[in-house]
Amino acid sequence: MSEFLKIGHRGAKGHLAENTLESIQKAIDLGVDAIEIDVHKCASGELWVFHDFTLDRTTNGSGEIAKRPAEVLKELKVEGYYKIPQLTEVLDLIEGKCDINIELKGLNTAKPVCHEIRQRISTGKWKYSNFLISSFQKNELFEARNTDEEVLLAVLSKASVPEAIELGKRLNAMAIHPSLGIITRDNIKLSQDAGFTVNVWTVNEREDIRRMIEFGVDGIISDYPNRLINPVLGLNP
C-alpha cells in the first residue's frame, strides 16, 4: 500500500465537535500526520479556529464571527460544551506532534496567519514545512504569497483541477486540494506532473479511501482519521 499523508479534517470532526481543541487532540491521538483547520479574524483582530462565517450552526451565539470581538467569542460554547479556540491555542497544542493545514476561511486572514507562522518559526521549534496554507479565496492566497515568499500554499478546488493547477502556478503553490467529487486518475497525474502534491478532501468512506490510495494521491483529509490509519478494515467508525 502506498504511503500517504493522513490529515484530520477540522481535527477529528467525525468523532468530536469540529475545530475544537478536544477534536484536534483526538486526531493527534489517532496518529495523524497533520490536522486541517479553518481560521477567521474577529472584530478585535484575533484569529479564531472556526469553520462557518456565522456562529449560529454550532454555537449558542449568532451573527458573523468577523463582527464579534474576542470577549464575546470567549464566552460561547460549541455544541453546548466546547470553547472556540484561538489559532495560538491550537499551535500550542500540536507543537512537536503533527503538522497543520490552515485554511484561510475568513477575509483578511492571510497577513496575520503568515505573521503567526513567522513568529513560531523564529522560536526554532517550527519549520515552514510544518505549515500549509490553503484557501478557496484567491485574494487571500495572493496576499499570503506577497506577505511571505517561503510559506507553503495549497489551492482548494471543488470545480476544476486544471484551473486549480493554473492558479497554483501563478502562486508558486506546493499543493492542489481537490474535492473527492472532482478527482480522477488523470487529473491527479496532471497535478503531480505539474509539480504539485495532491491532498483530497473530504474522504470518509473506506471504499473511497482505498480508491484514493489506489489512485496515488499524496494525502487524504478525513473526518475519521482512524479510517486512514486502517483503510483495509470494514466500514466501522
C-alpha atoms as a PDB file:
ATOM      1  CA  MET A   1       0.000   0.000   0.000  1.00  0.00           C
ATOM      2  CA  SER A   2       1.446   3.371  -0.994  1.00  0.00           C
ATOM      3  CA  GLU A   3       2.259   5.860   1.752  1.00  0.00           C
ATOM      4  CA  PHE A   4       0.151   8.998   2.005  1.00  0.00           C
ATOM      5  CA  LEU A   5      -0.361  11.892   4.420  1.00  0.00           C
ATOM      6  CA  LYS A   6      -3.143  11.266   6.921  1.00  0.00           C
ATOM      7  CA  ILE A   7      -4.874  14.561   7.631  1.00  0.00           C
ATOM      8  CA  GLY A   8      -7.637  15.057  10.190  1.00  0.00           C
ATOM      9  CA  HIS A   9     -10.433  17.302   8.910  1.00  0.00           C
ATOM     10  CA  ARG A  10     -11.200  20.090  11.402  1.00  0.00           C
ATOM     11  CA  GLY A  11      -9.408  17.869  13.886  1.00  0.00           C
ATOM     12  CA  ALA A  12     -11.379  14.645  14.067  1.00  0.00           C
ATOM     13  CA  LYS A  13     -14.769  16.020  13.014  1.00  0.00           C
ATOM     14  CA  GLY A  14     -16.399  12.599  12.834  1.00  0.00           C
ATOM     15  CA  HIS A  15     -15.577  11.907  16.468  1.00  0.00           C
ATOM     16  CA  LEU A  16     -15.788  15.226  18.338  1.00  0.00           C
ATOM     17  CA  ALA A  17     -17.005  18.787  17.724  1.00  0.00           C
ATOM     18  CA  GLU A  18     -15.152  20.248  14.750  1.00  0.00           C
ATOM     19  CA  ASN A  19     -12.280  22.721  15.140  1.00  0.00           C
ATOM     20  CA  THR A  20     -12.121  22.334  18.933  1.00  0.00           C
ATOM     21  CA  LEU A  21      -9.015  21.566  20.973  1.00  0.00           C
ATOM     22  CA  GLU A  22     -10.620  18.282  22.015  1.00  0.00           C
ATOM     23  CA  SER A  23     -11.239  17.272  18.390  1.00  0.00           C
ATOM     24  CA  ILE A  24      -7.690  18.196  17.435  1.00  0.00           C
ATOM     25  CA  GLN A  25      -6.276  16.214  20.350  1.00  0.00           C
ATOM     26  CA  LYS A  26      -8.393  13.238  19.259  1.00  0.00           C
ATOM     27  CA  ALA A  27      -6.867  13.423  15.765  1.00  0.00           C
ATOM     28  CA  ILE A  28      -3.374  13.520  17.272  1.00  0.00           C
ATOM     29  CA  ASP A  29      -4.210  10.516  19.466  1.00  0.00           C
ATOM     30  CA  LEU A  30      -5.358   8.645  16.359  1.00  0.00           C
ATOM     31  CA  GLY A  31      -1.963   9.192  14.738  1.00  0.00           C
ATOM     32  CA  VAL A  32      -2.484  11.810  12.037  1.00  0.00           C
ATOM     33  CA  ASP A  33       0.405  13.397  10.165  1.00  0.00           C
ATOM     34  CA  ALA A  34      -1.419  16.734  10.093  1.00  0.00           C
ATOM     35  CA  ILE A  35      -4.649  18.439  11.020  1.00  0.00           C
ATOM     36  CA  GLU A  36      -6.723  20.750   8.852  1.00  0.00           C
ATOM     37  CA  ILE A  37      -8.424  23.726  10.477  1.00  0.00           C
ATOM     38  CA  ASP A  38     -10.220  26.921   9.406  1.00  0.00           C
ATOM     39  CA  VAL A  39      -9.493  30.451  10.596  1.00  0.00           C
ATOM     40  CA  HIS A  40     -11.376  33.730  10.818  1.00  0.00           C
ATOM     41  CA  LYS A  41     -10.292  37.110  12.143  1.00  0.00           C
ATOM     42  CA  CYS A  42     -12.680  38.588  14.687  1.00  0.00           C
ATOM     43  CA  ALA A  43     -13.619  42.244  15.217  1.00  0.00           C
ATOM     44  CA  SER A  44     -10.834  42.788  17.749  1.00  0.00           C
ATOM     45  CA  GLY A  45      -8.206  41.234  15.466  1.00  0.00           C
ATOM     46  CA  GLU A  46      -7.535  37.785  16.922  1.00  0.00           C
ATOM     47  CA  LEU A  47      -7.524  34.632  14.790  1.00  0.00           C
ATOM     48  CA  TRP A  48     -10.121  32.042  15.730  1.00  0.00           C
ATOM     49  CA  VAL A  49     -10.360  28.419  14.627  1.00  0.00           C
ATOM     50  CA  PHE A  50     -13.888  28.110  13.280  1.00  0.00           C
ATOM     51  CA  HIS A  51     -15.442  26.955  10.034  1.00  0.00           C
ATOM     52  CA  ASP A  52     -18.620  28.903   9.339  1.00  0.00           C
ATOM     53  CA  PHE A  53     -18.832  32.622   8.685  1.00  0.00           C
ATOM     54  CA  THR A  54     -21.679  32.751  11.203  1.00  0.00           C
ATOM     55  CA  LEU A  55     -21.891  31.400  14.731  1.00  0.00           C
ATOM     56  CA  ASP A  56     -25.420  30.043  14.553  1.00  0.00           C
ATOM     57  CA  ARG A  57     -24.929  26.434  13.391  1.00  0.00           C
ATOM     58  CA  THR A  58     -22.514  25.137  16.009  1.00  0.00           C
ATOM     59  CA  THR A  59     -22.608  27.599  18.936  1.00  0.00           C
ATOM     60  CA  ASN A  60     -25.018  29.301  21.320  1.00  0.00           C
ATOM     61  CA  GLY A  61     -24.151  32.612  19.661  1.00  0.00           C
ATOM     62  CA  SER A  62     -25.389  34.247  16.496  1.00  0.00           C
ATOM     63  CA  GLY A  63     -24.242  36.570  13.765  1.00  0.00           C
ATOM     64  CA  GLU A  64     -20.987  36.844  11.843  1.00  0.00           C
ATOM     65  CA  ILE A  65     -17.846  35.772  13.662  1.00  0.00           C
ATOM     66  CA  ALA A  66     -15.895  38.586  11.966  1.00  0.00           C
ATOM     67  CA  LYS A  67     -18.176  41.138  13.636  1.00  0.00           C
ATOM     68  CA  ARG A  68     -17.800  39.777  17.166  1.00  0.00           C
ATOM     69  CA  PRO A  69     -14.907  40.779  19.471  1.00  0.00           C
ATOM     70  CA  ALA A  70     -12.773  38.326  21.412  1.00  0.00           C
ATOM     71  CA  GLU A  71     -14.553  38.930  24.716  1.00  0.00           C
ATOM     72  CA  VAL A  72     -17.825  37.713  23.171  1.00  0.00           C
ATOM     73  CA  LEU A  73     -16.310  34.693  21.404  1.00  0.00           C
ATOM     74  CA  LYS A  74     -14.535  33.535  24.575  1.00  0.00           C
ATOM     75  CA  GLU A  75     -17.900  33.072  26.281  1.00  0.00           C
ATOM     76  CA  LEU A  76     -19.544  30.975  23.568  1.00  0.00           C
ATOM     77  CA  LYS A  77     -19.886  27.206  23.585  1.00  0.00           C
ATOM     78  CA  VAL A  78     -19.629  24.854  20.609  1.00  0.00           C
ATOM     79  CA  GLU A  79     -22.327  22.169  20.791  1.00  0.00           C
ATOM     80  CA  GLY A  80     -23.131  23.369  24.293  1.00  0.00           C
ATOM     81  CA  TYR A  81     -19.807  22.328  25.819  1.00  0.00           C
ATOM     82  CA  TYR A  82     -16.587  23.142  23.931  1.00  0.00           C
ATOM     83  CA  LYS A  83     -14.953  26.533  23.549  1.00  0.00           C
ATOM     84  CA  ILE A  84     -13.909  28.149  20.281  1.00  0.00           C
ATOM     85  CA  PRO A  85     -10.102  28.070  20.264  1.00  0.00           C
ATOM     86  CA  GLN A  86      -7.774  30.748  19.031  1.00  0.00           C
ATOM     87  CA  LEU A  87      -5.122  29.777  16.489  1.00  0.00           C
ATOM     88  CA  THR A  88      -2.404  30.347  19.080  1.00  0.00           C
ATOM     89  CA  GLU A  89      -4.005  27.739  21.352  1.00  0.00           C
ATOM     90  CA  VAL A  90      -4.143  25.179  18.563  1.00  0.00           C
ATOM     91  CA  LEU A  91      -0.498  25.751  17.671  1.00  0.00           C
ATOM     92  CA  ASP A  92       0.496  25.421  21.313  1.00  0.00           C
ATOM     93  CA  LEU A  93      -1.387  22.111  21.489  1.00  0.00           C
ATOM     94  CA  ILE A  94       0.101  20.500  18.398  1.00  0.00           C
ATOM     95  CA  GLU A  95       3.672  21.788  18.694  1.00  0.00           C
ATOM     96  CA  GLY A  96       6.068  18.927  18.011  1.00  0.00           C
ATOM     97  CA  LYS A  97       3.218  16.459  17.465  1.00  0.00           C
ATOM     98  CA  CYS A  98       1.983  16.955  13.909  1.00  0.00           C
ATOM     99  CA  ASP A  99       1.814  19.438  11.024  1.00  0.00           C
ATOM    100  CA  ILE A 100      -1.041  21.828  10.301  1.00  0.00           C
ATOM    101  CA  ASN A 101      -3.048  22.875   7.256  1.00  0.00           C
ATOM    102  CA  ILE A 102      -4.558  26.305   7.944  1.00  0.00           C
ATOM    103  CA  GLU A 103      -7.431  27.176   5.645  1.00  0.00           C
ATOM    104  CA  LEU A 104      -7.918  30.912   5.261  1.00  0.00           C
ATOM    105  CA  LYS A 105     -11.687  30.879   5.573  1.00  0.00           C
ATOM    106  CA  GLY A 106     -12.435  34.450   6.582  1.00  0.00           C
ATOM    107  CA  LEU A 107     -11.393  37.726   4.979  1.00  0.00           C
ATOM    108  CA  ASN A 108      -8.161  39.470   5.948  1.00  0.00           C
ATOM    109  CA  THR A 109      -6.666  36.336   7.484  1.00  0.00           C
ATOM    110  CA  ALA A 110      -3.608  35.912   5.232  1.00  0.00           C
ATOM    111  CA  LYS A 111      -1.321  38.517   6.780  1.00  0.00           C
ATOM    112  CA  PRO A 112      -1.916  37.674  10.448  1.00  0.00           C
ATOM    113  CA  VAL A 113      -1.604  33.940   9.747  1.00  0.00           C
ATOM    114  CA  CYS A 114       1.707  34.490   7.945  1.00  0.00           C
ATOM    115  CA  HIS A 115       2.937  36.666  10.804  1.00  0.00           C
ATOM    116  CA  GLU A 116       1.999  33.972  13.324  1.00  0.00           C
ATOM    117  CA  ILE A 117       3.826  31.353  11.247  1.00  0.00           C
ATOM    118  CA  ARG A 118       6.953  33.504  11.095  1.00  0.00           C
ATOM    119  CA  GLN A 119       6.806  34.096  14.840  1.00  0.00           C
ATOM    120  CA  ARG A 120       6.561  30.360  15.513  1.00  0.00           C
ATOM    121  CA  ILE A 121       9.448  29.595  13.178  1.00  0.00           C
ATOM    122  CA  SER A 122      11.580  32.229  14.912  1.00  0.00           C
ATOM    123  CA  THR A 123      11.375  30.205  18.133  1.00  0.00           C
ATOM    124  CA  GLY A 124      13.253  27.349  16.472  1.00  0.00           C
ATOM    125  CA  LYS A 125      10.505  24.871  17.340  1.00  0.00           C
ATOM    126  CA  TRP A 126       8.773  25.022  13.943  1.00  0.00           C
ATOM    127  CA  LYS A 127       9.782  24.936  10.294  1.00  0.00           C
ATOM    128  CA  TYR A 128       7.992  26.182   7.196  1.00  0.00           C
ATOM    129  CA  SER A 129       7.411  22.536   6.261  1.00  0.00           C
ATOM    130  CA  ASN A 130       5.166  22.175   9.337  1.00  0.00           C
ATOM    131  CA  PHE A 131       2.663  24.646   7.878  1.00  0.00           C
ATOM    132  CA  LEU A 132       0.454  24.618   4.789  1.00  0.00           C
ATOM    133  CA  ILE A 133      -1.908  27.499   3.999  1.00  0.00           C
ATOM    134  CA  SER A 134      -4.926  26.720   1.819  1.00  0.00           C
ATOM    135  CA  SER A 135      -7.955  28.662   0.656  1.00  0.00           C
ATOM    136  CA  PHE A 136     -10.723  28.914  -1.905  1.00  0.00           C
ATOM    137  CA  GLN A 137     -10.157  32.682  -1.875  1.00  0.00           C
ATOM    138  CA  LYS A 138      -7.650  33.789  -4.488  1.00  0.00           C
ATOM    139  CA  ASN A 139      -7.125  37.193  -2.888  1.00  0.00           C
ATOM    140  CA  GLU A 140      -6.141  35.646   0.434  1.00  0.00           C
ATOM    141  CA  LEU A 141      -3.720  33.228  -1.243  1.00  0.00           C
ATOM    142  CA  PHE A 142      -2.050  36.044  -3.194  1.00  0.00           C
ATOM    143  CA  GLU A 143      -1.895  38.135  -0.015  1.00  0.00           C
ATOM    144  CA  ALA A 144      -0.191  35.236   1.759  1.00  0.00           C
ATOM    145  CA  ARG A 145       2.318  34.860  -1.055  1.00  0.00           C
ATOM    146  CA  ASN A 146       3.027  38.599  -1.105  1.00  0.00           C
ATOM    147  CA  THR A 147       3.474  38.590   2.664  1.00  0.00           C
ATOM    148  CA  ASP A 148       5.865  35.642   2.780  1.00  0.00           C
ATOM    149  CA  GLU A 149       7.599  34.127  -0.230  1.00  0.00           C
ATOM    150  CA  GLU A 150       8.539  30.990   1.709  1.00  0.00           C
ATOM    151  CA  VAL A 151       5.173  29.963   3.100  1.00  0.00           C
ATOM    152  CA  LEU A 152       3.712  26.804   1.540  1.00  0.00           C
ATOM    153  CA  LEU A 153       0.387  27.280  -0.250  1.00  0.00           C
ATOM    154  CA  ALA A 154      -2.374  24.963  -1.463  1.00  0.00           C
ATOM    155  CA  VAL A 155      -5.217  25.773  -3.857  1.00  0.00           C
ATOM    156  CA  LEU A 156      -8.608  24.413  -2.810  1.00  0.00           C
ATOM    157  CA  SER A 157     -10.993  23.406  -5.580  1.00  0.00           C
ATOM    158  CA  LYS A 158     -14.400  21.819  -5.903  1.00  0.00           C
ATOM    159  CA  ALA A 159     -14.865  22.674  -9.576  1.00  0.00           C
ATOM    160  CA  SER A 160     -11.834  22.290 -11.828  1.00  0.00           C
ATOM    161  CA  VAL A 161      -8.449  20.693 -11.242  1.00  0.00           C
ATOM    162  CA  PRO A 162      -6.873  22.263 -14.380  1.00  0.00           C
ATOM    163  CA  GLU A 163      -7.961  25.727 -13.191  1.00  0.00           C
ATOM    164  CA  ALA A 164      -6.510  24.987  -9.753  1.00  0.00           C
ATOM    165  CA  ILE A 165      -3.236  23.964 -11.378  1.00  0.00           C
ATOM    166  CA  GLU A 166      -3.034  27.225 -13.333  1.00  0.00           C
ATOM    167  CA  LEU A 167      -3.723  29.250 -10.199  1.00  0.00           C
ATOM    168  CA  GLY A 168      -1.188  27.152  -8.318  1.00  0.00           C
ATOM    169  CA  LYS A 169       1.469  28.022 -10.882  1.00  0.00           C
ATOM    170  CA  ARG A 170       0.758  31.738 -10.510  1.00  0.00           C
ATOM    171  CA  LEU A 171       1.032  31.433  -6.732  1.00  0.00           C
ATOM    172  CA  ASN A 172       4.077  29.201  -6.738  1.00  0.00           C
ATOM    173  CA  ALA A 173       1.951  26.866  -4.621  1.00  0.00           C
ATOM    174  CA  MET A 174       3.013  23.461  -3.366  1.00  0.00           C
ATOM    175  CA  ALA A 175      -0.275  21.579  -3.469  1.00  0.00           C
ATOM    176  CA  ILE A 176      -3.690  21.204  -5.038  1.00  0.00           C
ATOM    177  CA  HIS A 177      -6.578  20.278  -2.731  1.00  0.00           C
ATOM    178  CA  PRO A 178      -9.454  18.979  -4.880  1.00  0.00           C
ATOM    179  CA  SER A 179     -12.744  17.697  -3.528  1.00  0.00           C
ATOM    180  CA  LEU A 180     -13.462  13.989  -3.767  1.00  0.00           C
ATOM    181  CA  GLY A 181     -16.194  14.705  -6.301  1.00  0.00           C
ATOM    182  CA  ILE A 182     -13.819  16.005  -8.992  1.00  0.00           C
ATOM    183  CA  ILE A 183     -10.934  13.546  -8.553  1.00  0.00           C
ATOM    184  CA  THR A 184      -9.879  11.289 -11.423  1.00  0.00           C
ATOM    185  CA  ARG A 185      -6.719   9.303 -12.066  1.00  0.00           C
ATOM    186  CA  ASP A 186      -5.943  11.648 -14.940  1.00  0.00           C
ATOM    187  CA  ASN A 187      -6.217  14.915 -13.042  1.00  0.00           C
ATOM    188  CA  ILE A 188      -4.170  13.528 -10.154  1.00  0.00           C
ATOM    189  CA  LYS A 189      -1.423  12.667 -12.630  1.00  0.00           C
ATOM    190  CA  LEU A 190      -1.842  16.048 -14.327  1.00  0.00           C
ATOM    191  CA  SER A 191      -1.340  17.797 -10.988  1.00  0.00           C
ATOM    192  CA  GLN A 192       1.621  15.699  -9.955  1.00  0.00           C
ATOM    193  CA  ASP A 193       3.273  16.014 -13.366  1.00  0.00           C
ATOM    194  CA  ALA A 194       2.961  19.795 -12.949  1.00  0.00           C
ATOM    195  CA  GLY A 195       4.893  19.528  -9.684  1.00  0.00           C
ATOM    196  CA  PHE A 196       2.039  19.689  -7.158  1.00  0.00           C
ATOM    197  CA  THR A 197       1.183  17.325  -4.365  1.00  0.00           C
ATOM    198  CA  VAL A 198      -2.483  16.290  -4.269  1.00  0.00           C
ATOM    199  CA  ASN A 199      -4.399  16.181  -0.978  1.00  0.00           C
ATOM    200  CA  VAL A 200      -8.043  15.213  -1.487  1.00  0.00           C
ATOM    201  CA  TRP A 201     -10.992  16.160   0.760  1.00  0.00           C
ATOM    202  CA  THR A 202     -13.270  15.089   2.465  1.00  0.00           C
ATOM    203  CA  VAL A 203     -12.883  11.314   2.202  1.00  0.00           C
ATOM    204  CA  ASN A 204     -14.794   9.357   4.847  1.00  0.00           C
ATOM    205  CA  GLU A 205     -15.924   6.018   3.457  1.00  0.00           C
ATOM    206  CA  ARG A 206     -13.296   3.286   3.461  1.00  0.00           C
ATOM    207  CA  GLU A 207     -14.147   2.355  -0.109  1.00  0.00           C
ATOM    208  CA  ASP A 208     -13.350   5.913  -1.211  1.00  0.00           C
ATOM    209  CA  ILE A 209     -10.221   5.996   0.951  1.00  0.00           C
ATOM    210  CA  ARG A 210      -8.949   2.801  -0.682  1.00  0.00           C
ATOM    211  CA  ARG A 211      -9.764   4.200  -4.122  1.00  0.00           C
ATOM    212  CA  MET A 212      -7.820   7.400  -3.436  1.00  0.00           C
ATOM    213  CA  ILE A 213      -4.846   5.359  -2.253  1.00  0.00           C
ATOM    214  CA  GLU A 214      -5.041   3.283  -5.423  1.00  0.00           C
ATOM    215  CA  PHE A 215      -5.219   6.491  -7.490  1.00  0.00           C
ATOM    216  CA  GLY A 216      -1.968   7.618  -5.887  1.00  0.00           C
ATOM    217  CA  VAL A 217      -2.946  10.792  -4.049  1.00  0.00           C
ATOM    218  CA  ASP A 218      -0.338  12.301  -1.748  1.00  0.00           C
ATOM    219  CA  GLY A 219      -2.670  12.986   1.147  1.00  0.00           C
ATOM    220  CA  ILE A 220      -6.215  12.313   2.332  1.00  0.00           C
ATOM    221  CA  ILE A 221      -8.264  14.684   4.505  1.00  0.00           C
ATOM    222  CA  SER A 222     -10.929  12.844   6.508  1.00  0.00           C
ATOM    223  CA  ASP A 223     -13.414  13.389   9.326  1.00  0.00           C
ATOM    224  CA  TYR A 224     -12.429   9.901  10.535  1.00  0.00           C
ATOM    225  CA  PRO A 225      -8.629   9.795  10.882  1.00  0.00           C
ATOM    226  CA  ASN A 226      -8.815   6.267  12.286  1.00  0.00           C
ATOM    227  CA  ARG A 227     -10.016   5.065   8.880  1.00  0.00           C
ATOM    228  CA  LEU A 228      -6.872   6.493   7.309  1.00  0.00           C
ATOM    229  CA  ILE A 229      -4.736   4.556   9.749  1.00  0.00           C
ATOM    230  CA  ASN A 230      -6.531   1.292   8.973  1.00  0.00           C
ATOM    231  CA  PRO A 231      -8.010   1.695   5.471  1.00  0.00           C
ATOM    232  CA  VAL A 232      -8.270  -2.050   4.843  1.00  0.00           C
ATOM    233  CA  LEU A 233     -10.791  -2.614   7.626  1.00  0.00           C
ATOM    234  CA  GLY A 234     -14.558  -2.629   7.247  1.00  0.00           C
ATOM    235  CA  LEU A 235     -16.847   0.372   7.323  1.00  0.00           C
ATOM    236  CA  ASN A 236     -16.996   0.620  11.129  1.00  0.00           C
ATOM    237  CA  PRO A 237     -16.419   4.108  12.664  1.00  0.00           C
END
